[in-house]
């Protein structure tokens, strides 16, 4: 399997010029980015589990089994708990 890195562009044009203010701005930007990425992990693991490919997702070794299950549970909760898994995946 060949993996490619997606092209990601982050706009720093509105970052403050003052170094201390920039550090605070970057901290907030990182928190926002991490929150959005976490949501995408949740959806991806949930969809993998829903489609019966959760083991294949775990085999990628991107996260521990515990973390991947936490992502699926969080997404299931966000969707109003439509799925009832016994966690034997």
C-alpha atoms as a PDB file:
ATOM      1  CA  UNK A   1       0.000   0.000   0.000  1.00  0.00           C
ATOM      2  CA  UNK A   2       1.292   3.433  -0.917  1.00  0.00           C
ATOM      3  CA  UNK A   3       0.307   6.363   1.217  1.00  0.00           C
ATOM      4  CA  UNK A   4       0.601   9.967   0.200  1.00  0.00           C
ATOM      5  CA  UNK A   5       0.497  12.981   2.414  1.00  0.00           C
ATOM      6  CA  UNK A   6      -2.453  15.256   1.662  1.00  0.00           C
ATOM      7  CA  UNK A   7      -1.658  18.799   0.676  1.00  0.00           C
ATOM      8  CA  UNK A   8      -2.638  20.933   3.624  1.00  0.00           C
ATOM      9  CA  UNK A   9      -2.544  24.692   3.598  1.00  0.00           C
ATOM     10  CA  UNK A  10      -2.826  26.662   6.794  1.00  0.00           C
ATOM     11  CA  UNK A  11      -3.351  30.393   6.554  1.00  0.00           C
ATOM     12  CA  UNK A  12      -1.086  32.230   8.972  1.00  0.00           C
ATOM     13  CA  UNK A  13      -1.716  35.621   7.389  1.00  0.00           C
ATOM     14  CA  UNK A  14      -3.812  36.849  10.326  1.00  0.00           C
ATOM     15  CA  UNK A  15      -1.317  35.740  12.973  1.00  0.00           C
ATOM     16  CA  UNK A  16      -0.034  38.623  15.105  1.00  0.00           C
ATOM     17  CA  UNK A  17       3.465  39.924  14.450  1.00  0.00           C
ATOM     18  CA  UNK A  18       4.291  40.301  18.145  1.00  0.00           C
ATOM     19  CA  UNK A  19       6.025  37.048  19.187  1.00  0.00           C
ATOM     20  CA  UNK A  20       4.146  36.614  22.488  1.00  0.00           C
ATOM     21  CA  UNK A  21       0.782  37.382  20.901  1.00  0.00           C
ATOM     22  CA  UNK A  22       1.699  35.011  18.038  1.00  0.00           C
ATOM     23  CA  UNK A  23       2.422  32.215  20.537  1.00  0.00           C
ATOM     24  CA  UNK A  24      -1.029  32.668  22.059  1.00  0.00           C
ATOM     25  CA  UNK A  25      -2.617  32.795  18.620  1.00  0.00           C
ATOM     26  CA  UNK A  26      -0.771  29.625  17.558  1.00  0.00           C
ATOM     27  CA  UNK A  27      -1.909  27.866  20.713  1.00  0.00           C
ATOM     28  CA  UNK A  28      -5.537  28.652  19.899  1.00  0.00           C
ATOM     29  CA  UNK A  29      -5.053  27.655  16.257  1.00  0.00           C
ATOM     30  CA  UNK A  30      -3.566  24.308  17.343  1.00  0.00           C
ATOM     31  CA  UNK A  31      -6.499  23.633  19.670  1.00  0.00           C
ATOM     32  CA  UNK A  32      -8.969  24.387  16.879  1.00  0.00           C
ATOM     33  CA  UNK A  33      -7.054  22.205  14.404  1.00  0.00           C
ATOM     34  CA  UNK A  34      -6.771  19.321  16.877  1.00  0.00           C
ATOM     35  CA  UNK A  35     -10.505  19.467  17.612  1.00  0.00           C
ATOM     36  CA  UNK A  36     -11.372  19.311  13.912  1.00  0.00           C
ATOM     37  CA  UNK A  37      -8.958  16.443  13.278  1.00  0.00           C
ATOM     38  CA  UNK A  38     -10.334  14.524  16.280  1.00  0.00           C
ATOM     39  CA  UNK A  39     -13.806  14.814  14.789  1.00  0.00           C
ATOM     40  CA  UNK A  40     -12.519  13.400  11.512  1.00  0.00           C
ATOM     41  CA  UNK A  41     -10.825  10.480  13.340  1.00  0.00           C
ATOM     42  CA  UNK A  42     -14.140   9.769  15.073  1.00  0.00           C
ATOM     43  CA  UNK A  43     -16.088   9.678  11.821  1.00  0.00           C
ATOM     44  CA  UNK A  44     -13.472   7.569  10.034  1.00  0.00           C
ATOM     45  CA  UNK A  45     -13.231   4.935  12.774  1.00  0.00           C
ATOM     46  CA  UNK A  46     -17.027   4.895  13.181  1.00  0.00           C
ATOM     47  CA  UNK A  47     -17.511   4.372   9.446  1.00  0.00           C
ATOM     48  CA  UNK A  48     -14.833   1.657   9.391  1.00  0.00           C
ATOM     49  CA  UNK A  49     -16.577  -0.130  12.240  1.00  0.00           C
ATOM     50  CA  UNK A  50     -19.981   0.312  10.647  1.00  0.00           C
ATOM     51  CA  UNK A  51     -18.714  -1.153   7.370  1.00  0.00           C
ATOM     52  CA  UNK A  52     -17.082  -4.145   9.070  1.00  0.00           C
ATOM     53  CA  UNK A  53     -13.534  -2.898   8.470  1.00  0.00           C
ATOM     54  CA  UNK A  54     -12.621  -1.894  12.001  1.00  0.00           C
ATOM     55  CA  UNK A  55      -9.942  -4.593  12.264  1.00  0.00           C
ATOM     56  CA  UNK A  56      -8.375  -3.295   9.045  1.00  0.00           C
ATOM     57  CA  UNK A  57      -8.446   0.214  10.532  1.00  0.00           C
ATOM     58  CA  UNK A  58      -6.721  -1.069  13.674  1.00  0.00           C
ATOM     59  CA  UNK A  59      -4.132  -2.842  11.520  1.00  0.00           C
ATOM     60  CA  UNK A  60      -2.986   0.573  10.275  1.00  0.00           C
ATOM     61  CA  UNK A  61      -1.619   1.160  13.807  1.00  0.00           C
ATOM     62  CA  UNK A  62      -2.592   4.823  13.788  1.00  0.00           C
ATOM     63  CA  UNK A  63      -4.101   4.609  17.279  1.00  0.00           C
ATOM     64  CA  UNK A  64      -4.345   2.042  20.020  1.00  0.00           C
ATOM     65  CA  UNK A  65      -7.383  -0.241  20.056  1.00  0.00           C
ATOM     66  CA  UNK A  66      -8.611   1.594  23.154  1.00  0.00           C
ATOM     67  CA  UNK A  67      -8.317   5.015  21.487  1.00  0.00           C
ATOM     68  CA  UNK A  68      -9.971   3.804  18.262  1.00  0.00           C
ATOM     69  CA  UNK A  69     -12.883   2.388  20.258  1.00  0.00           C
ATOM     70  CA  UNK A  70     -13.136   5.679  22.149  1.00  0.00           C
ATOM     71  CA  UNK A  71     -13.382   7.488  18.805  1.00  0.00           C
ATOM     72  CA  UNK A  72     -16.211   5.181  17.666  1.00  0.00           C
ATOM     73  CA  UNK A  73     -18.060   5.614  20.957  1.00  0.00           C
ATOM     74  CA  UNK A  74     -17.724   9.401  20.796  1.00  0.00           C
ATOM     75  CA  UNK A  75     -19.086   9.474  17.247  1.00  0.00           C
ATOM     76  CA  UNK A  76     -21.904   7.108  18.172  1.00  0.00           C
ATOM     77  CA  UNK A  77     -22.765   9.412  21.070  1.00  0.00           C
ATOM     78  CA  UNK A  78     -22.611  12.472  18.809  1.00  0.00           C
ATOM     79  CA  UNK A  79     -25.076  10.803  16.441  1.00  0.00           C
ATOM     80  CA  UNK A  80     -27.509  10.031  19.263  1.00  0.00           C
ATOM     81  CA  UNK A  81     -26.357   6.435  19.844  1.00  0.00           C
ATOM     82  CA  UNK A  82     -27.885   4.790  16.790  1.00  0.00           C
ATOM     83  CA  UNK A  83     -25.582   1.764  17.116  1.00  0.00           C
ATOM     84  CA  UNK A  84     -25.588  -0.753  19.953  1.00  0.00           C
ATOM     85  CA  UNK A  85     -22.224  -2.480  19.926  1.00  0.00           C
ATOM     86  CA  UNK A  86     -21.224  -4.990  22.549  1.00  0.00           C
ATOM     87  CA  UNK A  87     -17.636  -3.819  21.987  1.00  0.00           C
ATOM     88  CA  UNK A  88     -16.592  -7.173  20.664  1.00  0.00           C
ATOM     89  CA  UNK A  89     -16.416  -5.299  17.358  1.00  0.00           C
END
